[in-house]
Amino acid sequence: MAEKESYEELEQRILVLEKENSDFKQANLELEEYKINFRSLFNSTQDAIMIINAANGKIMAVNPAVADILGYENEDLIGEHFSILFPPVLQSTDELLPEEPQFFGGAFKQEFFRPDGMVCLLDLSASMVSWEQKTVIMATFHELPDW
């Protein structure tokens, strides 16, 4: 049978647990602050940002600039396959999400399909990143200057 802990040992364990709890609370506060800062940056940039699940091509998150630039609302895009953003001629191709992405990390011009039926040419860059324990494509795009 195990020996009972002394009063001093129990007191010491309580102090350790209180310290761990305090550390946990501090880490939680820092995480909440980080989330607020991230959300602020994500939502305030003028470039459109879209997070796409690399495994299935579904849109996981978009910032408000997507609505400003393309005219889609968040709820119209979240959970949809990203191919809905391309003109119908591109939607029918199986090459939109290759097994081994080769263009990531670069920027290029891409036609996007707006909900009003118009097609617009935007500057697009994409990177593979880890997000919420998944591999995702972070696509950023913005309007081309009128030079």
Protein backbone atom coordinates (compact mmCIF):
# COMPACT_ATOMS: atom_id res chain seq x y z
CA MET A 1 0.00 0.00 0.00
CA ALA A 2 1.29 3.45 -0.92
CA GLU A 3 2.33 5.82 1.83
CA LYS A 4 0.08 8.76 2.52
CA GLU A 5 1.60 12.08 1.63
CA SER A 6 2.42 14.42 4.46
CA TYR A 7 0.70 17.75 4.86
CA GLU A 8 3.82 19.53 3.58
CA GLU A 9 3.99 17.28 0.50
CA LEU A 10 0.32 17.94 -0.27
CA GLU A 11 0.86 21.65 0.21
CA GLN A 12 3.82 21.51 -2.19
CA ARG A 13 1.73 19.62 -4.79
CA ILE A 14 -1.01 22.25 -4.49
CA LEU A 15 1.54 25.01 -5.11
CA VAL A 16 2.86 23.18 -8.20
CA LEU A 17 -0.68 22.69 -9.52
CA GLU A 18 -1.54 26.35 -8.89
CA LYS A 19 1.62 27.38 -10.81
CA GLU A 20 0.74 25.06 -13.70
CA ASN A 21 -2.80 26.41 -13.74
CA SER A 22 -1.48 29.97 -13.75
CA ASP A 23 0.90 29.12 -16.62
CA PHE A 24 -1.98 27.51 -18.53
CA LYS A 25 -4.17 30.59 -18.03
CA GLN A 26 -1.33 32.86 -19.22
CA ALA A 27 -0.75 30.71 -22.31
CA ASN A 28 -4.47 30.77 -23.01
CA LEU A 29 -4.56 34.57 -22.76
CA GLU A 30 -1.58 34.82 -25.11
CA LEU A 31 -3.26 32.47 -27.57
CA GLU A 32 -6.45 34.55 -27.50
CA GLU A 33 -4.41 37.70 -28.11
CA TYR A 34 -2.64 36.00 -31.02
CA LYS A 35 -6.01 34.97 -32.51
CA ILE A 36 -7.31 38.53 -32.22
CA ASN A 37 -4.16 39.94 -33.85
CA PHE A 38 -4.26 37.34 -36.63
CA ARG A 39 -7.96 38.00 -37.30
CA SER A 40 -7.30 41.74 -37.39
CA LEU A 41 -4.51 41.33 -39.95
CA PHE A 42 -6.44 38.74 -41.99
CA ASN A 43 -9.55 40.92 -42.13
CA SER A 44 -7.92 44.30 -42.73
CA THR A 45 -5.53 43.64 -45.62
CA GLN A 46 -6.53 44.96 -49.04
CA ASP A 47 -5.32 41.77 -50.75
CA ALA A 48 -7.84 38.97 -50.93
CA ILE A 49 -6.76 35.91 -48.95
CA MET A 50 -8.28 32.49 -49.36
CA ILE A 51 -7.38 29.33 -47.44
CA ILE A 52 -8.04 26.16 -49.46
CA ASN A 53 -7.80 22.59 -48.18
CA ALA A 54 -5.01 21.08 -50.31
CA ALA A 55 -6.47 17.57 -50.00
CA ASN A 56 -9.91 18.28 -51.45
CA GLY A 57 -9.81 21.80 -52.93
CA LYS A 58 -12.54 23.14 -50.65
CA ILE A 59 -12.40 26.73 -49.46
CA MET A 60 -11.92 26.89 -45.69
CA ALA A 61 -11.64 30.65 -45.06
CA VAL A 62 -11.73 33.94 -46.94
CA ASN A 63 -11.14 37.49 -45.83
CA PRO A 64 -13.44 40.48 -46.55
CA ALA A 65 -11.27 41.62 -49.48
CA VAL A 66 -12.55 38.59 -51.44
CA ALA A 67 -16.02 40.16 -51.39
CA ASP A 68 -14.59 43.56 -52.33
CA ILE A 69 -12.58 42.22 -55.27
CA LEU A 70 -14.70 39.34 -56.56
CA GLY A 71 -18.17 40.08 -55.22
CA TYR A 72 -18.64 36.79 -53.34
CA GLU A 73 -19.72 36.74 -49.72
CA ASN A 74 -17.99 34.41 -47.23
CA GLU A 75 -21.00 32.13 -46.94
CA ASP A 76 -21.11 31.73 -50.74
CA LEU A 77 -17.57 30.31 -50.77
CA ILE A 78 -16.86 28.44 -47.51
CA GLY A 79 -17.09 24.70 -48.18
CA GLU A 80 -17.22 25.11 -51.96
CA HIS A 81 -14.55 23.77 -54.31
CA PHE A 82 -12.27 26.60 -55.36
CA SER A 83 -12.94 25.88 -59.07
CA ILE A 84 -16.20 27.88 -58.79
CA LEU A 85 -13.97 30.96 -58.97
CA PHE A 86 -12.76 30.15 -62.48
CA PRO A 87 -14.55 30.66 -65.79
CA PRO A 88 -16.66 27.62 -66.79
CA VAL A 89 -14.16 26.55 -69.45
CA LEU A 90 -11.52 26.07 -66.72
CA GLN A 91 -13.94 24.40 -64.28
CA SER A 92 -14.19 21.31 -66.46
CA THR A 93 -10.47 20.57 -66.39
CA ASP A 94 -9.02 18.06 -63.94
CA GLU A 95 -5.79 20.00 -63.69
CA LEU A 96 -6.97 22.65 -61.22
CA LEU A 97 -5.55 20.80 -58.21
CA PRO A 98 -2.62 18.67 -59.36
CA GLU A 99 -1.31 15.86 -57.17
CA GLU A 100 2.09 17.58 -56.99
CA PRO A 101 1.54 21.37 -57.13
CA GLN A 102 4.30 22.99 -59.12
CA PHE A 103 3.36 26.65 -59.20
CA PHE A 104 3.25 27.40 -55.50
CA GLY A 105 5.40 30.20 -54.21
CA GLY A 106 5.11 32.17 -57.44
CA ALA A 107 2.81 34.88 -58.71
CA PHE A 108 0.91 34.87 -61.98
CA LYS A 109 -2.13 36.38 -63.64
CA GLN A 110 -5.36 34.38 -63.44
CA GLU A 111 -8.89 34.90 -64.72
CA PHE A 112 -11.56 34.71 -62.00
CA PHE A 113 -15.30 34.30 -62.44
CA ARG A 114 -17.48 36.79 -60.55
CA PRO A 115 -21.01 35.90 -59.38
CA ASP A 116 -22.39 38.51 -61.83
CA GLY A 117 -20.95 36.46 -64.72
CA MET A 118 -18.07 38.82 -65.46
CA VAL A 119 -14.50 37.55 -65.72
CA CYS A 120 -11.71 39.59 -64.16
CA LEU A 121 -7.94 39.21 -64.42
CA LEU A 122 -6.14 39.25 -61.08
CA ASP A 123 -2.60 38.81 -59.84
CA LEU A 124 -2.50 35.53 -57.87
CA SER A 125 0.14 33.98 -55.64
CA ALA A 126 -0.20 30.72 -53.76
CA SER A 127 1.78 28.91 -51.09
CA MET A 128 1.43 25.60 -49.30
CA VAL A 129 1.28 26.13 -45.55
CA SER A 130 0.29 24.22 -42.43
CA TRP A 131 -2.94 25.57 -40.92
CA GLU A 132 -5.18 23.99 -38.27
CA GLN A 133 -3.15 20.76 -38.54
CA LYS A 134 -3.82 20.48 -42.29
CA THR A 135 -1.83 21.28 -45.39
CA VAL A 136 -3.58 24.16 -47.10
CA ILE A 137 -3.08 26.46 -50.03
CA MET A 138 -2.96 30.09 -49.02
CA ALA A 139 -3.93 32.04 -52.12
CA THR A 140 -3.62 35.80 -52.18
CA PHE A 141 -4.81 37.90 -55.07
CA HIS A 142 -5.31 41.52 -55.93
CA GLU A 143 -6.42 43.66 -58.80
CA LEU A 144 -3.87 44.57 -61.43
CA PRO A 145 -2.96 48.26 -61.69
CA ASP A 146 -4.48 50.27 -64.55
CA TRP A 147 -1.20 51.36 -66.13
